[in-house]
């Protein structure tokens, strides 16, 4: 989860969370899912 005062700040914070999650998963030898592209919901 990430938040911010502006949309740009939220996006920057999301990127940090993603990087930290990947780093933690690698340290714990957990599988990292392969990206399937964008999901479309209707």
PDB file of N, CA and C in Angstrom:
ATOM      1  N   UNK A   1       0.850  -1.156   0.000  1.00  0.00           N
ATOM      2  CA  UNK A   1       0.000   0.000   0.000  1.00  0.00           C
ATOM      3  C   UNK A   1       0.904   1.229   0.000  1.00  0.00           C
ATOM      4  N   UNK A   2       0.475   2.276  -0.687  1.00  0.00           N
ATOM      5  CA  UNK A   2       1.231   3.517  -0.733  1.00  0.00           C
ATOM      6  C   UNK A   2       0.256   4.686  -0.837  1.00  0.00           C
ATOM      7  N   UNK A   3       0.682   5.817  -0.318  1.00  0.00           N
ATOM      8  CA  UNK A   3      -0.132   7.022  -0.430  1.00  0.00           C
ATOM      9  C   UNK A   3       0.783   8.209  -0.676  1.00  0.00           C
ATOM     10  N   UNK A   4       0.192   9.386  -0.836  1.00  0.00           N
ATOM     11  CA  UNK A   4       0.967  10.593  -1.052  1.00  0.00           C
ATOM     12  C   UNK A   4       0.058  11.787  -1.183  1.00  0.00           C
ATOM     13  N   UNK A   5       0.672  12.950  -1.226  1.00  0.00           N
ATOM     14  CA  UNK A   5      -0.096  14.202  -1.320  1.00  0.00           C
ATOM     15  C   UNK A   5      -0.527  14.499  -2.747  1.00  0.00           C
ATOM     16  N   UNK A   6       0.134  13.869  -3.731  1.00  0.00           N
ATOM     17  CA  UNK A   6      -0.232  14.067  -5.129  1.00  0.00           C
ATOM     18  C   UNK A   6      -0.151  12.723  -5.849  1.00  0.00           C
ATOM     19  N   UNK A   7      -0.731  12.673  -7.033  1.00  0.00           N
ATOM     20  CA  UNK A   7      -0.699  11.452  -7.823  1.00  0.00           C
ATOM     21  C   UNK A   7       0.745  11.038  -8.100  1.00  0.00           C
ATOM     22  N   UNK A   8       1.601  11.980  -8.443  1.00  0.00           N
ATOM     23  CA  UNK A   8       3.003  11.687  -8.728  1.00  0.00           C
ATOM     24  C   UNK A   8       3.704  11.098  -7.502  1.00  0.00           C
ATOM     25  N   UNK A   9       3.441  11.651  -6.344  1.00  0.00           N
ATOM     26  CA  UNK A   9       4.045  11.137  -5.112  1.00  0.00           C
ATOM     27  C   UNK A   9       3.568   9.712  -4.823  1.00  0.00           C
ATOM     28  N   UNK A  10       2.307   9.437  -5.091  1.00  0.00           N
ATOM     29  CA  UNK A  10       1.781   8.088  -4.900  1.00  0.00           C
ATOM     30  C   UNK A  10       2.513   7.108  -5.811  1.00  0.00           C
ATOM     31  N   UNK A  11       2.680   7.456  -7.073  1.00  0.00           N
ATOM     32  CA  UNK A  11       3.361   6.587  -8.031  1.00  0.00           C
ATOM     33  C   UNK A  11       4.804   6.339  -7.598  1.00  0.00           C
ATOM     34  N   UNK A  12       5.483   7.380  -7.141  1.00  0.00           N
ATOM     35  CA  UNK A  12       6.860   7.221  -6.663  1.00  0.00           C
ATOM     36  C   UNK A  12       6.908   6.277  -5.456  1.00  0.00           C
ATOM     37  N   UNK A  13       5.956   6.420  -4.556  1.00  0.00           N
ATOM     38  CA  UNK A  13       5.913   5.563  -3.369  1.00  0.00           C
ATOM     39  C   UNK A  13       5.573   4.120  -3.724  1.00  0.00           C
ATOM     40  N   UNK A  14       4.715   3.927  -4.713  1.00  0.00           N
ATOM     41  CA  UNK A  14       4.399   2.572  -5.165  1.00  0.00           C
ATOM     42  C   UNK A  14       5.658   1.907  -5.712  1.00  0.00           C
ATOM     43  N   UNK A  15       6.451   2.638  -6.471  1.00  0.00           N
ATOM     44  CA  UNK A  15       7.685   2.087  -7.024  1.00  0.00           C
ATOM     45  C   UNK A  15       8.628   1.638  -5.906  1.00  0.00           C
ATOM     46  N   UNK A  16       8.713   2.407  -4.840  1.00  0.00           N
ATOM     47  CA  UNK A  16       9.548   2.040  -3.690  1.00  0.00           C
ATOM     48  C   UNK A  16       9.044   0.750  -3.055  1.00  0.00           C
ATOM     49  N   UNK A  17       7.729   0.647  -2.877  1.00  0.00           N
ATOM     50  CA  UNK A  17       7.147  -0.551  -2.274  1.00  0.00           C
ATOM     51  C   UNK A  17       7.434  -1.779  -3.142  1.00  0.00           C
ATOM     52  N   UNK A  18       7.309  -1.643  -4.447  1.00  0.00           N
ATOM     53  CA  UNK A  18       7.587  -2.757  -5.353  1.00  0.00           C
ATOM     54  C   UNK A  18       9.037  -3.198  -5.225  1.00  0.00           C
ATOM     55  N   UNK A  19       9.961  -2.239  -5.252  1.00  0.00           N
ATOM     56  CA  UNK A  19      11.384  -2.566  -5.141  1.00  0.00           C
ATOM     57  C   UNK A  19      11.699  -3.255  -3.812  1.00  0.00           C
ATOM     58  N   UNK A  20      11.107  -2.772  -2.721  1.00  0.00           N
ATOM     59  CA  UNK A  20      11.349  -3.384  -1.414  1.00  0.00           C
ATOM     60  C   UNK A  20      10.758  -4.786  -1.348  1.00  0.00           C
ATOM     61  N   UNK A  21       9.585  -4.987  -1.955  1.00  0.00           N
ATOM     62  CA  UNK A  21       8.973  -6.310  -1.961  1.00  0.00           C
ATOM     63  C   UNK A  21       9.851  -7.300  -2.722  1.00  0.00           C
ATOM     64  N   UNK A  22      10.344  -6.887  -3.896  1.00  0.00           N
ATOM     65  CA  UNK A  22      11.211  -7.759  -4.691  1.00  0.00           C
ATOM     66  C   UNK A  22      12.492  -8.109  -3.932  1.00  0.00           C
ATOM     67  N   UNK A  23      13.080  -7.122  -3.288  1.00  0.00           N
ATOM     68  CA  UNK A  23      14.305  -7.354  -2.512  1.00  0.00           C
ATOM     69  C   UNK A  23      14.052  -8.366  -1.389  1.00  0.00           C
ATOM     70  N   UNK A  24      12.947  -8.195  -0.679  1.00  0.00           N
ATOM     71  CA  UNK A  24      12.613  -9.105   0.416  1.00  0.00           C
ATOM     72  C   UNK A  24      12.346 -10.513  -0.104  1.00  0.00           C
ATOM     73  N   UNK A  25      11.607 -10.620  -1.194  1.00  0.00           N
ATOM     74  CA  UNK A  25      11.313 -11.935  -1.768  1.00  0.00           C
ATOM     75  C   UNK A  25      12.603 -12.654  -2.162  1.00  0.00           C
ATOM     76  N   UNK A  26      13.541 -11.930  -2.745  1.00  0.00           N
ATOM     77  CA  UNK A  26      14.817 -12.533  -3.133  1.00  0.00           C
ATOM     78  C   UNK A  26      15.593 -12.999  -1.905  1.00  0.00           C
ATOM     79  N   UNK A  27      15.621 -12.183  -0.856  1.00  0.00           N
ATOM     80  CA  UNK A  27      16.342 -12.553   0.364  1.00  0.00           C
ATOM     81  C   UNK A  27      15.749 -13.797   1.021  1.00  0.00           C
ATOM     82  N   UNK A  28      14.433 -13.963   0.914  1.00  0.00           N
ATOM     83  CA  UNK A  28      13.751 -15.098   1.536  1.00  0.00           C
ATOM     84  C   UNK A  28      13.595 -16.274   0.573  1.00  0.00           C
ATOM     85  N   UNK A  29      14.207 -16.157  -0.617  1.00  0.00           N
ATOM     86  CA  UNK A  29      14.096 -17.206  -1.643  1.00  0.00           C
ATOM     87  C   UNK A  29      12.652 -17.553  -1.984  1.00  0.00           C
ATOM     88  N   UNK A  30      11.819 -16.542  -2.042  1.00  0.00           N
ATOM     89  CA  UNK A  30      10.420 -16.741  -2.407  1.00  0.00           C
ATOM     90  C   UNK A  30      10.255 -16.533  -3.908  1.00  0.00           C
ATOM     91  N   UNK A  31       9.322 -17.234  -4.522  1.00  0.00           N
ATOM     92  CA  UNK A  31       9.126 -17.060  -5.968  1.00  0.00           C
ATOM     93  C   UNK A  31       8.588 -15.669  -6.290  1.00  0.00           C
ATOM     94  N   UNK A  32       9.055 -15.131  -7.403  1.00  0.00           N
ATOM     95  CA  UNK A  32       8.575 -13.822  -7.865  1.00  0.00           C
ATOM     96  C   UNK A  32       7.715 -14.086  -9.100  1.00  0.00           C
ATOM     97  N   UNK A  33       6.442 -13.718  -9.044  1.00  0.00           N
ATOM     98  CA  UNK A  33       5.543 -13.978 -10.179  1.00  0.00           C
ATOM     99  C   UNK A  33       6.022 -13.262 -11.439  1.00  0.00           C
ATOM    100  N   UNK A  34       5.779 -13.898 -12.570  1.00  0.00           N
ATOM    101  CA  UNK A  34       6.115 -13.301 -13.862  1.00  0.00           C
ATOM    102  C   UNK A  34       4.993 -12.348 -14.258  1.00  0.00           C
ATOM    103  N   UNK A  35       5.366 -11.163 -14.722  1.00  0.00           N
ATOM    104  CA  UNK A  35       4.387 -10.172 -15.141  1.00  0.00           C
ATOM    105  C   UNK A  35       3.595 -10.677 -16.339  1.00  0.00           C
ATOM    106  N   UNK A  36       2.300 -10.471 -16.306  1.00  0.00           N
ATOM    107  CA  UNK A  36       1.422 -10.863 -17.407  1.00  0.00           C
ATOM    108  C   UNK A  36       0.868  -9.647 -18.128  1.00  0.00           C
ATOM    109  N   UNK A  37       1.390  -8.484 -17.839  1.00  0.00           N
ATOM    110  CA  UNK A  37       0.873  -7.264 -18.445  1.00  0.00           C
ATOM    111  C   UNK A  37      -0.237  -6.666 -17.608  1.00  0.00           C
ATOM    112  N   UNK A  38      -0.905  -5.677 -18.164  1.00  0.00           N
ATOM    113  CA  UNK A  38      -1.980  -5.005 -17.444  1.00  0.00           C
ATOM    114  C   UNK A  38      -3.244  -5.841 -17.448  1.00  0.00           C
ATOM    115  N   UNK A  39      -3.941  -5.812 -16.328  1.00  0.00           N
ATOM    116  CA  UNK A  39      -5.236  -6.491 -16.229  1.00  0.00           C
ATOM    117  C   UNK A  39      -6.328  -5.512 -16.612  1.00  0.00           C
ATOM    118  N   UNK A  40      -7.331  -6.027 -17.253  1.00  0.00           N
ATOM    119  CA  UNK A  40      -8.471  -5.176 -17.629  1.00  0.00           C
ATOM    120  C   UNK A  40      -9.709  -5.707 -16.907  1.00  0.00           C
ATOM    121  N   UNK A  41     -10.348  -4.843 -16.169  1.00  0.00           N
ATOM    122  CA  UNK A  41     -11.564  -5.203 -15.452  1.00  0.00           C
ATOM    123  C   UNK A  41     -12.744  -4.450 -16.073  1.00  0.00           C
ATOM    124  N   UNK A  42     -13.857  -5.114 -16.144  1.00  0.00           N
ATOM    125  CA  UNK A  42     -15.045  -4.451 -16.673  1.00  0.00           C
ATOM    126  C   UNK A  42     -16.146  -4.431 -15.658  1.00  0.00           C
TER     127      UNK A  42
END
